[in-house]
Amino acid sequence: MSIELGEKEAEGIYSNLCVISHSSSEVILDFARALPGVTKTRVYARILMTPQHAKSLQQALTANLAKYEEQFGLSRP
């Protein structure tokens, strides 16, 4: 599979907060930034996916974090 990455998307969006919600057919990930001294934030990206795709994402994150920890040591929770 070939994946195209647009110029805007290549810049990325920093997020240190993810709010997760779901219905019977969707999992919703809202990515935001929590900053010191700021009591309000906004969602910078919202991703909707099926529960099956969310499970695949969970497995991919678990595998990649294990590789990260092998290379760089334990990540902090």
Protein backbone atom coordinates (compact mmCIF):
# COMPACT_ATOMS: atom_id res chain seq x y z
CA MET A 1 0.00 0.00 0.00
CA SER A 2 1.26 3.46 -0.85
CA ILE A 3 0.35 6.25 1.56
CA GLU A 4 0.53 9.90 0.54
CA LEU A 5 1.43 12.46 3.19
CA GLY A 6 0.38 16.00 2.38
CA GLU A 7 2.54 18.99 3.28
CA LYS A 8 0.14 20.25 5.96
CA GLU A 9 -0.23 16.79 7.53
CA ALA A 10 3.55 16.28 7.49
CA GLU A 11 3.90 19.17 9.94
CA GLY A 12 1.94 17.17 12.50
CA ILE A 13 -0.10 18.36 15.46
CA TYR A 14 1.28 18.18 19.00
CA SER A 15 -1.08 16.61 21.54
CA ASN A 16 -0.51 15.60 25.15
CA LEU A 17 -4.16 14.89 25.92
CA CYS A 18 -6.56 12.46 24.28
CA VAL A 19 -10.20 12.21 25.30
CA ILE A 20 -11.76 8.92 24.22
CA SER A 21 -15.48 8.31 23.86
CA HIS A 22 -17.53 5.70 22.05
CA SER A 23 -20.89 4.55 20.85
CA SER A 24 -21.91 1.03 19.88
CA SER A 25 -20.45 1.54 16.40
CA GLU A 26 -17.67 4.16 16.76
CA VAL A 27 -14.66 5.06 18.86
CA ILE A 28 -13.90 8.79 18.94
CA LEU A 29 -10.44 10.15 19.78
CA ASP A 30 -10.23 13.89 20.50
CA PHE A 31 -6.65 15.18 20.58
CA ALA A 32 -5.93 18.36 22.57
CA ARG A 33 -3.10 20.11 24.42
CA ALA A 34 -3.01 20.62 28.19
CA LEU A 35 -0.74 23.53 29.10
CA PRO A 36 0.44 24.67 32.55
CA GLY A 37 -1.67 27.49 33.96
CA VAL A 38 -4.32 27.17 31.24
CA THR A 39 -7.67 25.86 32.42
CA LYS A 40 -9.29 25.57 28.99
CA THR A 41 -8.14 23.78 25.86
CA ARG A 42 -9.60 22.90 22.49
CA VAL A 43 -9.65 19.83 20.29
CA TYR A 44 -7.08 20.09 17.48
CA ALA A 45 -7.97 16.81 15.78
CA ARG A 46 -10.84 14.33 16.02
CA ILE A 47 -10.47 10.78 14.74
CA LEU A 48 -13.48 8.48 14.37
CA MET A 49 -13.02 4.77 13.79
CA THR A 50 -14.80 1.47 14.17
CA PRO A 51 -14.18 -0.55 17.33
CA GLN A 52 -12.34 -3.12 15.17
CA HIS A 53 -9.95 -0.44 13.87
CA ALA A 54 -9.49 0.90 17.41
CA LYS A 55 -8.47 -2.62 18.52
CA SER A 56 -5.94 -2.78 15.65
CA LEU A 57 -4.60 0.64 16.72
CA GLN A 58 -4.28 -0.60 20.31
CA GLN A 59 -2.27 -3.62 19.16
CA ALA A 60 -0.03 -1.49 16.91
CA LEU A 61 0.62 0.98 19.76
CA THR A 62 1.45 -1.85 22.17
CA ALA A 63 3.92 -3.38 19.70
CA ASN A 64 5.55 -0.04 18.86
CA LEU A 65 5.85 1.05 22.50
CA ALA A 66 7.53 -2.28 23.29
CA LYS A 67 10.07 -1.57 20.51
CA TYR A 68 10.55 1.97 21.85
CA GLU A 69 11.22 0.66 25.35
CA GLU A 70 13.70 -1.91 24.03
CA GLN A 71 15.62 0.88 22.30
CA PHE A 72 15.29 3.77 24.78
CA GLY A 73 14.20 2.22 28.09
CA LEU A 74 10.88 2.34 29.87
CA SER A 75 8.54 5.17 28.99
CA ARG A 76 6.98 7.10 31.83
CA PRO A 77 3.21 6.69 32.31
